[in-house]
Protein backbone atom coordinates (compact mmCIF):
# COMPACT_ATOMS: atom_id res chain seq x y z
CA MET A 1 20.65 -10.63 105.56
CA ILE A 2 23.70 -11.62 103.69
CA SER A 3 23.54 -13.71 100.56
CA ALA A 4 25.49 -14.67 97.56
CA ILE A 5 24.38 -15.83 94.01
CA PRO A 6 27.47 -17.48 92.46
CA GLY A 7 26.76 -16.18 88.93
CA ALA A 8 26.22 -12.63 90.31
CA LEU A 9 29.46 -12.92 92.42
CA VAL A 10 31.59 -13.30 89.36
CA THR A 11 29.92 -10.47 87.41
CA ILE A 12 30.08 -8.04 90.42
CA ALA A 13 33.69 -8.85 91.15
CA GLU A 14 34.54 -8.53 87.48
CA GLU A 15 32.65 -5.08 87.33
CA LEU A 16 34.35 -3.88 90.52
CA ASP A 17 37.79 -4.71 89.17
CA ARG A 18 36.94 -2.97 85.87
CA ILE A 19 35.73 0.24 87.53
CA PHE A 20 38.48 0.29 90.15
CA PRO A 21 40.46 3.08 88.30
CA LYS A 22 37.30 5.29 88.67
CA VAL A 23 37.22 4.49 92.52
CA SER A 24 40.95 5.29 92.75
CA LYS A 25 40.49 8.71 91.08
CA ALA A 26 37.98 9.63 93.77
CA GLY A 27 40.86 9.89 96.27
CA LYS A 28 43.05 7.80 98.45
CA PRO A 29 41.24 4.81 100.21
CA ILE A 30 40.28 5.29 103.76
CA GLU A 31 42.87 3.56 106.08
CA ILE A 32 41.82 1.85 109.29
CA SER A 33 43.46 -0.75 111.48
CA LEU A 34 40.32 -2.90 111.99
CA PHE A 35 37.30 -3.21 109.84
CA THR A 36 34.52 -5.18 111.68
CA PHE A 37 31.18 -6.69 110.53
CA ALA A 38 29.34 -4.11 112.60
CA ASP A 39 31.38 -1.37 110.97
CA ALA A 40 30.22 -2.70 107.40
CA VAL A 41 26.49 -2.78 108.43
CA ARG A 42 26.75 0.69 109.77
CA SER A 43 28.54 1.89 106.82
CA PHE A 44 25.88 0.72 104.42
CA SER A 45 23.25 2.50 106.44
CA ARG A 46 25.22 5.74 107.11
CA ASP A 47 26.62 6.10 103.62
CA HIS A 48 23.52 5.19 101.70
CA PRO A 49 23.26 7.96 98.98
CA GLY A 50 19.50 7.97 99.01
CA ASP A 51 19.23 6.55 95.48
CA PRO A 52 15.84 4.67 95.41
CA SER A 53 17.22 2.07 92.97
CA ILE A 54 19.55 0.67 95.66
CA THR A 55 18.45 -2.50 97.03
CA ALA A 56 21.57 -4.09 98.40
CA GLY A 57 25.25 -3.52 99.14
CA ALA A 58 28.41 -5.47 98.42
CA LEU A 59 32.03 -5.67 99.79
CA LEU A 60 34.78 -6.98 97.54
CA ARG A 61 38.06 -7.85 99.14
CA ARG A 62 41.27 -7.69 97.33
CA PRO A 63 44.91 -8.18 98.77
CA HIS A 64 46.74 -5.01 99.58
CA PRO A 65 50.25 -4.42 101.04
CA GLY A 66 48.59 -2.78 104.09
CA GLY A 67 46.15 -5.75 104.68
CA HIS A 68 42.88 -5.76 102.81
CA LEU A 69 41.59 -3.45 100.08
CA ILE A 70 37.69 -3.37 100.47
CA PHE A 71 35.39 -1.88 98.01
CA GLN A 72 32.02 -0.94 99.48
CA VAL A 73 29.33 -0.47 96.66
CA PHE A 74 25.67 -0.27 96.33
CA LEU A 75 23.62 -2.51 94.02
CA ASP A 76 20.25 -2.38 92.34
CA ARG A 77 17.58 -5.05 92.18
CA LYS A 78 19.41 -6.74 89.27
CA ASP A 79 22.67 -6.77 91.27
CA GLN A 80 24.20 -4.13 89.09
CA ILE A 81 26.51 -1.50 90.70
CA VAL A 82 24.80 1.80 91.13
CA VAL A 83 26.96 4.63 89.69
CA GLN A 84 26.84 8.40 90.06
CA GLY A 85 26.50 10.76 87.11
CA ASP A 86 30.25 10.71 86.50
CA GLY A 87 30.33 6.98 86.29
CA ARG A 88 31.99 6.39 89.73
CA PRO A 89 30.13 3.83 91.93
CA HIS A 90 28.42 5.06 94.99
CA GLY A 91 30.59 3.76 97.77
CA LYS A 92 34.21 3.80 98.99
CA ALA A 93 37.51 2.03 99.12
CA ILE A 94 38.97 1.10 102.46
CA VAL A 95 42.33 -0.31 103.29
CA ALA A 96 42.00 -2.34 106.49
CA ARG A 97 45.03 -3.86 108.24
CA SER A 98 42.73 -6.59 109.61
CA LEU A 99 39.16 -7.75 109.69
CA ASP A 100 37.40 -9.07 112.78
CA ASP A 101 36.53 -12.81 112.69
CA GLU A 102 32.85 -12.31 111.93
CA LEU A 103 33.67 -10.30 108.85
CA ALA A 104 36.52 -12.41 107.81
CA GLY A 105 34.27 -15.46 108.11
CA LYS A 106 31.76 -14.03 105.61
CA PHE A 107 34.62 -13.94 103.03
CA THR A 108 35.59 -17.72 103.49
CA ASN A 109 34.12 -18.91 100.22
CA SER A 110 34.57 -15.81 98.19
CA ASP A 111 36.05 -12.25 98.14
CA LEU A 112 32.58 -10.83 97.59
CA VAL A 113 29.88 -10.48 100.15
CA ILE A 114 26.42 -9.08 99.27
CA PHE A 115 24.21 -7.53 102.04
CA ARG A 116 20.50 -7.53 101.43
């Protein structure tokens, strides 16, 4: 299920923008030509770090010269970003040349989508 709480959206988006330098230090973003809704769902399942505090996932979209910069992160029950011991968030950065219609449609009202 995908949901979004307006107040939480602003807080999560601001937090992701604040911690972007930590994500960047983890290495170059993964580059793909097409990122689909199915890819996003599979990625949350496949890349789940096993932290029991994780109850949701989030995708934040930002403009990028190569298309879309997508941050995939995991959230706790208070919609706080779950971080590793070094302060980097669990998750990854992806540069996608394009998004499929289903995923792009989830971003129509916001650049943040929360997966519950």
